[in-house]
Amino acid sequence: MSYLLTGHESERLRFRPLQPDDFDSWLPFYDHPQSTQYWAGEPSDPVRNCQQWFDKTFYRYQHNKGGMNVLIDKQTGAFVGQCGLLVQVVDGLDELEVGYSILPQFWKQGYATEAANACREYAFANGLSDSLISIIHEENIPSQAVALKTGMSAEKRTIYANNPVLIYRIRNR
């Protein structure tokens, strides 16, 4: 079962796996204070935080736990961000999450919504799950707006990785 959207394209984006030489392209995400302001428990050093992200992503790839795809703007070739399907355990239940993180210079341009919609369509078309979630810090209003735009609705509040979060969900119809 493949959770990665390798080779998949949406209107403006091409999806591919993260590669070790993407590190310098992704590091600016951690240099921007708003990128990590909602998630407690992450390293404060941007380089260490970025390396931890890469380590987690490659672990997921190797253990079939899903993972983030790099999002490339088809027109400019720019590295825009990452989005993908992640196998998660929330409140003791196995779930499939749509996760998205966009580089700050590309915020508010619809990339997260476009990528998350592509992940949703891929997951349901390939029978990967009957429902999808997004795990979003309760204060992260921009990410909550993306979840709503992709058809999700807030289902419950819980604690995930020692953070107060809302679980957004969409079911395959």
N, C-alpha and C. Protein backbone atom coordinates (compact mmCIF):
# COMPACT_ATOMS: atom_id res chain seq x y z
N MET A 1 0.85 -1.18 0.00
CA MET A 1 0.00 0.00 0.00
C MET A 1 0.89 1.24 0.00
N SER A 2 0.67 2.12 -0.95
CA SER A 2 1.50 3.31 -1.05
C SER A 2 0.72 4.54 -0.61
N TYR A 3 1.23 5.21 0.39
CA TYR A 3 0.61 6.44 0.87
C TYR A 3 1.20 7.68 0.18
N LEU A 4 2.31 7.52 -0.53
CA LEU A 4 2.96 8.66 -1.18
C LEU A 4 2.32 8.93 -2.53
N LEU A 5 2.26 10.19 -2.90
CA LEU A 5 1.66 10.59 -4.17
C LEU A 5 2.73 10.82 -5.24
N THR A 6 3.78 10.02 -5.22
CA THR A 6 4.89 10.18 -6.15
C THR A 6 4.39 10.27 -7.59
N GLY A 7 4.78 11.35 -8.26
CA GLY A 7 4.39 11.55 -9.65
C GLY A 7 3.01 12.15 -9.84
N HIS A 8 2.25 12.29 -8.76
CA HIS A 8 0.90 12.86 -8.85
C HIS A 8 1.00 14.36 -9.11
N GLU A 9 0.01 14.91 -9.81
CA GLU A 9 -0.04 16.34 -10.05
C GLU A 9 -1.43 16.87 -9.76
N SER A 10 -1.49 18.10 -9.27
CA SER A 10 -2.74 18.83 -9.15
C SER A 10 -2.64 20.00 -10.14
N GLU A 11 -3.54 20.93 -10.04
CA GLU A 11 -3.56 22.03 -11.01
C GLU A 11 -2.22 22.75 -11.09
N ARG A 12 -1.66 23.11 -9.93
CA ARG A 12 -0.41 23.88 -9.91
C ARG A 12 0.79 23.14 -9.36
N LEU A 13 0.57 21.94 -8.79
CA LEU A 13 1.62 21.28 -8.02
C LEU A 13 1.98 19.91 -8.55
N ARG A 14 3.26 19.58 -8.40
CA ARG A 14 3.76 18.22 -8.67
C ARG A 14 4.24 17.66 -7.33
N PHE A 15 3.90 16.39 -7.07
CA PHE A 15 4.25 15.73 -5.81
C PHE A 15 5.44 14.81 -6.03
N ARG A 16 6.38 14.83 -5.08
CA ARG A 16 7.49 13.88 -5.10
C ARG A 16 7.97 13.63 -3.68
N PRO A 17 8.68 12.52 -3.47
CA PRO A 17 9.20 12.25 -2.11
C PRO A 17 10.25 13.28 -1.70
N LEU A 18 10.37 13.46 -0.40
CA LEU A 18 11.42 14.28 0.17
C LEU A 18 12.76 13.59 -0.08
N GLN A 19 13.78 14.38 -0.36
CA GLN A 19 15.13 13.86 -0.59
C GLN A 19 16.11 14.57 0.35
N PRO A 20 17.20 13.89 0.72
CA PRO A 20 18.16 14.53 1.65
C PRO A 20 18.64 15.90 1.18
N ASP A 21 18.79 16.09 -0.14
CA ASP A 21 19.29 17.39 -0.61
C ASP A 21 18.22 18.49 -0.62
N ASP A 22 17.02 18.19 -0.10
CA ASP A 22 15.99 19.21 0.06
C ASP A 22 16.15 20.00 1.35
N PHE A 23 17.12 19.63 2.17
CA PHE A 23 17.25 20.21 3.51
C PHE A 23 17.30 21.74 3.47
N ASP A 24 18.16 22.30 2.63
CA ASP A 24 18.31 23.76 2.58
C ASP A 24 17.06 24.46 2.06
N SER A 25 16.28 23.77 1.25
CA SER A 25 15.02 24.35 0.75
C SER A 25 13.95 24.38 1.84
N TRP A 26 14.00 23.40 2.77
CA TRP A 26 12.99 23.30 3.81
C TRP A 26 13.36 24.06 5.08
N LEU A 27 14.64 24.31 5.29
CA LEU A 27 15.10 24.99 6.51
C LEU A 27 14.40 26.33 6.76
N PRO A 28 14.12 27.15 5.74
CA PRO A 28 13.43 28.42 6.01
C PRO A 28 12.09 28.27 6.72
N PHE A 29 11.44 27.11 6.58
CA PHE A 29 10.20 26.87 7.32
C PHE A 29 10.45 27.02 8.81
N TYR A 30 11.56 26.48 9.30
CA TYR A 30 11.88 26.52 10.73
C TYR A 30 12.51 27.83 11.16
N ASP A 31 12.99 28.62 10.21
CA ASP A 31 13.53 29.94 10.54
C ASP A 31 12.43 30.96 10.80
N HIS A 32 11.22 30.68 10.34
CA HIS A 32 10.10 31.61 10.50
C HIS A 32 9.35 31.29 11.80
N PRO A 33 9.29 32.24 12.73
CA PRO A 33 8.69 31.94 14.04
C PRO A 33 7.23 31.49 13.98
N GLN A 34 6.45 31.98 13.02
CA GLN A 34 5.04 31.59 12.95
C GLN A 34 4.86 30.14 12.50
N SER A 35 5.86 29.57 11.84
CA SER A 35 5.74 28.19 11.36
C SER A 35 5.62 27.20 12.50
N THR A 36 6.28 27.49 13.59
CA THR A 36 6.33 26.52 14.70
C THR A 36 5.71 27.06 15.98
N GLN A 37 5.05 28.19 15.92
CA GLN A 37 4.56 28.83 17.15
C GLN A 37 3.51 28.01 17.89
N TYR A 38 2.79 27.14 17.20
CA TYR A 38 1.69 26.43 17.83
C TYR A 38 2.10 25.10 18.46
N TRP A 39 3.23 24.55 18.05
CA TRP A 39 3.55 23.18 18.45
C TRP A 39 4.61 23.18 19.52
N ALA A 40 4.24 22.83 20.76
CA ALA A 40 5.18 22.76 21.88
C ALA A 40 5.99 21.47 21.82
N GLY A 41 7.21 21.53 22.31
CA GLY A 41 8.03 20.34 22.42
C GLY A 41 8.98 20.11 21.27
N GLU A 42 9.00 21.03 20.31
CA GLU A 42 9.93 20.91 19.18
C GLU A 42 11.25 21.60 19.54
N PRO A 43 12.36 21.16 18.94
CA PRO A 43 13.63 21.84 19.20
C PRO A 43 13.57 23.31 18.81
N SER A 44 14.21 24.17 19.59
CA SER A 44 14.20 25.60 19.28
C SER A 44 15.20 25.95 18.18
N ASP A 45 16.22 25.12 18.01
CA ASP A 45 17.21 25.36 16.96
C ASP A 45 16.63 24.94 15.61
N PRO A 46 16.53 25.87 14.65
CA PRO A 46 15.93 25.54 13.35
C PRO A 46 16.61 24.37 12.63
N VAL A 47 17.93 24.30 12.69
CA VAL A 47 18.64 23.21 11.99
C VAL A 47 18.29 21.87 12.63
N ARG A 48 18.28 21.83 13.95
CA ARG A 48 17.93 20.59 14.66
C ARG A 48 16.47 20.19 14.39
N ASN A 49 15.58 21.17 14.39
CA ASN A 49 14.18 20.92 14.13
C ASN A 49 13.98 20.38 12.71
N CYS A 50 14.67 20.97 11.75
CA CYS A 50 14.58 20.52 10.36
C CYS A 50 15.13 19.10 10.22
N GLN A 51 16.25 18.82 10.88
CA GLN A 51 16.83 17.47 10.81
C GLN A 51 15.88 16.45 11.42
N GLN A 52 15.22 16.82 12.52
CA GLN A 52 14.26 15.92 13.15
C GLN A 52 13.10 15.63 12.18
N TRP A 53 12.65 16.65 11.47
CA TRP A 53 11.58 16.47 10.46
C TRP A 53 12.02 15.48 9.39
N PHE A 54 13.24 15.66 8.89
CA PHE A 54 13.75 14.77 7.85
C PHE A 54 13.87 13.34 8.38
N ASP A 55 14.38 13.19 9.60
CA ASP A 55 14.52 11.86 10.18
C ASP A 55 13.16 11.17 10.31
N LYS A 56 12.16 11.91 10.80
CA LYS A 56 10.81 11.34 10.94
C LYS A 56 10.24 10.96 9.58
N THR A 57 10.45 11.82 8.58
CA THR A 57 9.90 11.55 7.25
C THR A 57 10.53 10.29 6.66
N PHE A 58 11.84 10.16 6.74
CA PHE A 58 12.50 8.99 6.17
C PHE A 58 12.15 7.72 6.95
N TYR A 59 11.95 7.83 8.26
CA TYR A 59 11.48 6.69 9.05
C TYR A 59 10.11 6.24 8.54
N ARG A 60 9.22 7.19 8.34
CA ARG A 60 7.88 6.88 7.81
C ARG A 60 7.99 6.18 6.46
N TYR A 61 8.80 6.71 5.58
CA TYR A 61 8.96 6.09 4.26
C TYR A 61 9.40 4.63 4.39
N GLN A 62 10.39 4.40 5.25
CA GLN A 62 10.97 3.06 5.38
C GLN A 62 10.04 2.07 6.06
N HIS A 63 9.09 2.53 6.86
CA HIS A 63 8.23 1.65 7.64
C HIS A 63 6.77 1.71 7.20
N ASN A 64 6.53 2.20 5.97
CA ASN A 64 5.19 2.27 5.39
C ASN A 64 4.18 2.95 6.33
N LYS A 65 4.62 4.08 6.88
CA LYS A 65 3.77 4.87 7.77
C LYS A 65 3.32 6.16 7.08
N GLY A 66 3.36 6.15 5.75
CA GLY A 66 3.00 7.34 5.00
C GLY A 66 4.14 8.34 5.04
N GLY A 67 3.82 9.56 4.73
CA GLY A 67 4.85 10.59 4.77
C GLY A 67 4.48 11.79 3.93
N MET A 68 5.23 12.82 4.14
CA MET A 68 5.00 14.06 3.41
C MET A 68 5.63 13.98 2.03
N ASN A 69 4.94 14.59 1.08
CA ASN A 69 5.44 14.75 -0.28
C ASN A 69 5.92 16.19 -0.43
N VAL A 70 7.00 16.37 -1.15
CA VAL A 70 7.44 17.72 -1.50
C VAL A 70 6.48 18.24 -2.57
N LEU A 71 6.11 19.49 -2.44
CA LEU A 71 5.22 20.15 -3.39
C LEU A 71 6.05 21.11 -4.25
N ILE A 72 6.05 20.85 -5.54
CA ILE A 72 6.80 21.67 -6.49
C ILE A 72 5.81 22.43 -7.37
N ASP A 73 5.98 23.74 -7.47
CA ASP A 73 5.15 24.54 -8.37
C ASP A 73 5.51 24.16 -9.80
N LYS A 74 4.53 23.67 -10.54
CA LYS A 74 4.78 23.17 -11.90
C LYS A 74 5.26 24.27 -12.83
N GLN A 75 4.83 25.50 -12.62
CA GLN A 75 5.19 26.59 -13.52
C GLN A 75 6.59 27.14 -13.24
N THR A 76 6.92 27.32 -11.94
CA THR A 76 8.19 27.96 -11.59
C THR A 76 9.26 26.97 -11.14
N GLY A 77 8.87 25.75 -10.75
CA GLY A 77 9.82 24.78 -10.21
C GLY A 77 10.16 25.03 -8.75
N ALA A 78 9.48 25.99 -8.12
CA ALA A 78 9.78 26.33 -6.72
C ALA A 78 9.31 25.24 -5.77
N PHE A 79 10.09 25.01 -4.73
CA PHE A 79 9.74 24.14 -3.61
C PHE A 79 8.77 24.96 -2.75
N VAL A 80 7.50 24.55 -2.72
CA VAL A 80 6.44 25.33 -2.07
C VAL A 80 6.20 24.88 -0.64
N GLY A 81 6.31 23.58 -0.39
CA GLY A 81 6.03 23.05 0.93
C GLY A 81 5.92 21.54 0.88
N GLN A 82 5.20 20.99 1.86
CA GLN A 82 5.03 19.54 1.95
C GLN A 82 3.60 19.22 2.36
N CYS A 83 3.11 18.10 1.85
CA CYS A 83 1.77 17.64 2.20
C CYS A 83 1.75 16.14 1.99
N GLY A 84 1.00 15.43 2.83
CA GLY A 84 0.95 14.00 2.64
C GLY A 84 -0.02 13.29 3.55
N LEU A 85 -0.03 11.99 3.39
CA LEU A 85 -0.87 11.08 4.16
C LEU A 85 -0.01 10.40 5.21
N LEU A 86 -0.38 10.54 6.47
CA LEU A 86 0.43 10.06 7.58
C LEU A 86 -0.38 9.08 8.43
N VAL A 87 0.17 7.91 8.66
CA VAL A 87 -0.45 6.95 9.56
C VAL A 87 -0.17 7.43 10.98
N GLN A 88 -1.25 7.66 11.75
CA GLN A 88 -1.14 8.19 13.10
C GLN A 88 -1.95 7.33 14.06
N VAL A 89 -1.63 7.45 15.35
CA VAL A 89 -2.44 6.87 16.40
C VAL A 89 -2.93 8.03 17.26
N VAL A 90 -4.26 8.19 17.29
CA VAL A 90 -4.88 9.28 18.05
C VAL A 90 -5.86 8.66 19.04
N ASP A 91 -5.65 8.94 20.29
CA ASP A 91 -6.51 8.38 21.35
C ASP A 91 -6.64 6.86 21.22
N GLY A 92 -5.54 6.22 20.87
CA GLY A 92 -5.50 4.75 20.78
C GLY A 92 -6.05 4.17 19.50
N LEU A 93 -6.47 5.00 18.56
CA LEU A 93 -7.04 4.52 17.30
C LEU A 93 -6.12 4.82 16.13
N ASP A 94 -5.99 3.86 15.21
CA ASP A 94 -5.23 4.09 13.99
C ASP A 94 -6.02 5.02 13.08
N GLU A 95 -5.37 6.04 12.59
CA GLU A 95 -6.00 7.04 11.72
C GLU A 95 -5.08 7.33 10.56
N LEU A 96 -5.65 7.88 9.48
CA LEU A 96 -4.86 8.37 8.36
C LEU A 96 -5.06 9.88 8.31
N GLU A 97 -3.96 10.60 8.48
CA GLU A 97 -3.99 12.06 8.55
C GLU A 97 -3.56 12.68 7.23
N VAL A 98 -4.20 13.77 6.87
CA VAL A 98 -3.69 14.65 5.83
C VAL A 98 -2.94 15.76 6.56
N GLY A 99 -1.62 15.79 6.36
CA GLY A 99 -0.79 16.82 6.97
C GLY A 99 -0.30 17.78 5.90
N TYR A 100 -0.13 19.04 6.25
CA TYR A 100 0.34 20.04 5.29
C TYR A 100 1.15 21.11 6.00
N SER A 101 2.24 21.49 5.37
CA SER A 101 3.11 22.57 5.85
C SER A 101 3.65 23.28 4.62
N ILE A 102 3.45 24.57 4.58
CA ILE A 102 3.81 25.38 3.42
C ILE A 102 4.87 26.39 3.85
N LEU A 103 5.87 26.61 2.99
CA LEU A 103 6.89 27.62 3.28
C LEU A 103 6.23 28.99 3.39
N PRO A 104 6.69 29.82 4.34
CA PRO A 104 6.01 31.10 4.62
C PRO A 104 5.80 31.99 3.40
N GLN A 105 6.73 32.02 2.46
CA GLN A 105 6.55 32.92 1.31
C GLN A 105 5.41 32.48 0.39
N PHE A 106 4.88 31.29 0.62
CA PHE A 106 3.78 30.78 -0.21
C PHE A 106 2.45 30.68 0.56
N TRP A 107 2.43 31.20 1.79
CA TRP A 107 1.19 31.18 2.56
C TRP A 107 0.12 32.02 1.88
N LYS A 108 -1.13 31.67 2.14
CA LYS A 108 -2.31 32.41 1.69
C LYS A 108 -2.42 32.47 0.17
N GLN A 109 -1.93 31.43 -0.51
CA GLN A 109 -2.06 31.36 -1.96
C GLN A 109 -2.82 30.10 -2.40
N GLY A 110 -3.39 29.39 -1.44
CA GLY A 110 -4.21 28.23 -1.76
C GLY A 110 -3.46 26.93 -1.97
N TYR A 111 -2.15 26.93 -1.75
CA TYR A 111 -1.36 25.72 -1.97
C TYR A 111 -1.71 24.60 -1.00
N ALA A 112 -1.90 24.94 0.28
CA ALA A 112 -2.22 23.90 1.27
C ALA A 112 -3.55 23.25 0.94
N THR A 113 -4.54 24.05 0.59
CA THR A 113 -5.86 23.51 0.25
C THR A 113 -5.78 22.63 -0.99
N GLU A 114 -5.09 23.11 -2.01
CA GLU A 114 -4.95 22.33 -3.25
C GLU A 114 -4.26 21.00 -2.99
N ALA A 115 -3.18 21.02 -2.22
CA ALA A 115 -2.43 19.79 -1.94
C ALA A 115 -3.24 18.84 -1.06
N ALA A 116 -3.91 19.38 -0.03
CA ALA A 116 -4.72 18.54 0.86
C ALA A 116 -5.88 17.91 0.10
N ASN A 117 -6.49 18.66 -0.82
CA ASN A 117 -7.57 18.08 -1.64
C ASN A 117 -7.04 16.93 -2.50
N ALA A 118 -5.85 17.10 -3.06
CA ALA A 118 -5.25 16.04 -3.87
C ALA A 118 -4.99 14.79 -3.02
N CYS A 119 -4.50 14.99 -1.80
CA CYS A 119 -4.26 13.86 -0.90
C CYS A 119 -5.57 13.15 -0.55
N ARG A 120 -6.61 13.94 -0.27
CA ARG A 120 -7.92 13.35 0.05
C ARG A 120 -8.42 12.51 -1.13
N GLU A 121 -8.39 13.09 -2.33
CA GLU A 121 -8.86 12.38 -3.52
C GLU A 121 -8.07 11.09 -3.74
N TYR A 122 -6.75 11.16 -3.58
CA TYR A 122 -5.89 9.99 -3.75
C TYR A 122 -6.23 8.90 -2.73
N ALA A 123 -6.37 9.29 -1.47
CA ALA A 123 -6.64 8.32 -0.40
C ALA A 123 -7.97 7.61 -0.64
N PHE A 124 -8.99 8.35 -0.97
CA PHE A 124 -10.31 7.74 -1.17
C PHE A 124 -10.36 6.94 -2.47
N ALA A 125 -9.76 7.44 -3.53
CA ALA A 125 -9.77 6.71 -4.81
C ALA A 125 -9.02 5.38 -4.72
N ASN A 126 -8.02 5.32 -3.85
CA ASN A 126 -7.21 4.11 -3.70
C ASN A 126 -7.61 3.26 -2.50
N GLY A 127 -8.73 3.60 -1.87
CA GLY A 127 -9.24 2.80 -0.76
C GLY A 127 -8.31 2.73 0.44
N LEU A 128 -7.55 3.79 0.70
CA LEU A 128 -6.59 3.76 1.80
C LEU A 128 -7.26 3.88 3.16
N SER A 129 -8.45 4.50 3.20
CA SER A 129 -9.17 4.67 4.46
C SER A 129 -10.60 5.11 4.15
N ASP A 130 -11.51 4.84 5.09
CA ASP A 130 -12.89 5.30 4.96
C ASP A 130 -13.05 6.74 5.42
N SER A 131 -12.06 7.22 6.19
CA SER A 131 -12.09 8.62 6.63
C SER A 131 -10.67 9.12 6.79
N LEU A 132 -10.53 10.43 6.75
CA LEU A 132 -9.24 11.08 6.93
C LEU A 132 -9.39 12.14 8.01
N ILE A 133 -8.29 12.38 8.72
CA ILE A 133 -8.29 13.42 9.74
C ILE A 133 -7.18 14.42 9.46
N SER A 134 -7.27 15.55 10.12
CA SER A 134 -6.15 16.47 10.27
C SER A 134 -6.06 16.80 11.75
N ILE A 135 -4.85 16.76 12.27
CA ILE A 135 -4.57 17.05 13.68
C ILE A 135 -4.04 18.47 13.73
N ILE A 136 -4.81 19.38 14.33
CA ILE A 136 -4.46 20.80 14.25
C ILE A 136 -4.51 21.42 15.64
N HIS A 137 -3.45 22.13 16.00
CA HIS A 137 -3.42 22.81 17.28
C HIS A 137 -4.65 23.72 17.39
N GLU A 138 -5.23 23.76 18.58
CA GLU A 138 -6.49 24.49 18.75
C GLU A 138 -6.36 25.99 18.48
N GLU A 139 -5.15 26.54 18.48
CA GLU A 139 -4.97 27.97 18.20
C GLU A 139 -4.53 28.24 16.76
N ASN A 140 -4.31 27.20 15.98
CA ASN A 140 -3.82 27.38 14.62
C ASN A 140 -5.00 27.59 13.65
N ILE A 141 -5.49 28.81 13.63
CA ILE A 141 -6.66 29.17 12.83
C ILE A 141 -6.40 29.01 11.33
N PRO A 142 -5.22 29.38 10.80
CA PRO A 142 -5.00 29.18 9.36
C PRO A 142 -5.11 27.72 8.92
N SER A 143 -4.55 26.80 9.70
CA SER A 143 -4.64 25.38 9.35
C SER A 143 -6.06 24.86 9.51
N GLN A 144 -6.78 25.38 10.48
CA GLN A 144 -8.18 24.99 10.63
C GLN A 144 -8.99 25.43 9.42
N ALA A 145 -8.68 26.62 8.89
CA ALA A 145 -9.39 27.12 7.70
C ALA A 145 -9.13 26.21 6.50
N VAL A 146 -7.90 25.71 6.37
CA VAL A 146 -7.59 24.78 5.28
C VAL A 146 -8.42 23.51 5.43
N ALA A 147 -8.48 22.97 6.64
CA ALA A 147 -9.26 21.75 6.87
C ALA A 147 -10.72 21.95 6.47
N LEU A 148 -11.29 23.08 6.83
CA LEU A 148 -12.68 23.36 6.47
C LEU A 148 -12.85 23.47 4.96
N LYS A 149 -11.89 24.11 4.28
CA LYS A 149 -11.96 24.25 2.82
C LYS A 149 -11.86 22.91 2.10
N THR A 150 -11.27 21.92 2.74
CA THR A 150 -11.15 20.60 2.12
C THR A 150 -12.33 19.69 2.46
N GLY A 151 -13.32 20.25 3.13
CA GLY A 151 -14.53 19.48 3.43
C GLY A 151 -14.53 18.81 4.79
N MET A 152 -13.50 19.03 5.58
CA MET A 152 -13.45 18.44 6.92
C MET A 152 -14.29 19.27 7.88
N SER A 153 -14.66 18.63 8.98
CA SER A 153 -15.31 19.37 10.06
C SER A 153 -14.68 18.95 11.38
N ALA A 154 -14.71 19.88 12.33
CA ALA A 154 -14.13 19.61 13.64
C ALA A 154 -14.95 18.52 14.32
N GLU A 155 -14.25 17.49 14.78
CA GLU A 155 -14.91 16.35 15.40
C GLU A 155 -14.77 16.35 16.92
N LYS A 156 -13.54 16.64 17.39
CA LYS A 156 -13.32 16.61 18.84
C LYS A 156 -12.03 17.33 19.21
N ARG A 157 -11.93 17.63 20.50
CA ARG A 157 -10.69 18.15 21.08
C ARG A 157 -10.01 17.01 21.80
N THR A 158 -8.68 17.01 21.75
CA THR A 158 -7.93 16.00 22.48
C THR A 158 -6.52 16.54 22.69
N ILE A 159 -5.70 15.73 23.33
CA ILE A 159 -4.28 16.05 23.49
C ILE A 159 -3.51 15.11 22.59
N TYR A 160 -2.62 15.67 21.77
CA TYR A 160 -1.80 14.87 20.87
C TYR A 160 -0.37 15.39 20.99
N ALA A 161 0.57 14.51 21.28
CA ALA A 161 1.98 14.89 21.46
C ALA A 161 2.10 16.06 22.44
N ASN A 162 1.34 15.97 23.53
CA ASN A 162 1.34 16.98 24.59
C ASN A 162 0.88 18.36 24.13
N ASN A 163 0.08 18.41 23.06
CA ASN A 163 -0.46 19.66 22.56
C ASN A 163 -1.98 19.58 22.50
N PRO A 164 -2.68 20.67 22.86
CA PRO A 164 -4.14 20.68 22.73
C PRO A 164 -4.51 20.83 21.25
N VAL A 165 -5.24 19.87 20.74
CA VAL A 165 -5.55 19.87 19.30
C VAL A 165 -7.04 19.66 19.04
N LEU A 166 -7.42 20.02 17.84
CA LEU A 166 -8.73 19.68 17.30
C LEU A 166 -8.50 18.61 16.24
N ILE A 167 -9.36 17.61 16.23
CA ILE A 167 -9.32 16.60 15.18
C ILE A 167 -10.41 16.95 14.18
N TYR A 168 -9.98 17.23 12.96
CA TYR A 168 -10.91 17.47 11.86
C TYR A 168 -11.03 16.17 11.08
N ARG A 169 -12.21 15.88 10.56
CA ARG A 169 -12.43 14.61 9.85
C ARG A 169 -13.31 14.82 8.63
N ILE A 170 -13.04 14.00 7.61
CA ILE A 170 -13.92 13.86 6.46
C ILE A 170 -14.07 12.37 6.20
N ARG A 171 -15.28 11.97 5.86
CA ARG A 171 -15.55 10.57 5.54
C ARG A 171 -15.76 10.42 4.04
N ASN A 172 -15.33 9.26 3.53
CA ASN A 172 -15.55 8.95 2.12
C ASN A 172 -17.04 8.68 1.92
N ARG A 173 -17.64 9.30 0.98
CA ARG A 173 -19.09 9.14 0.77
C ARG A 173 -19.38 8.07 -0.24
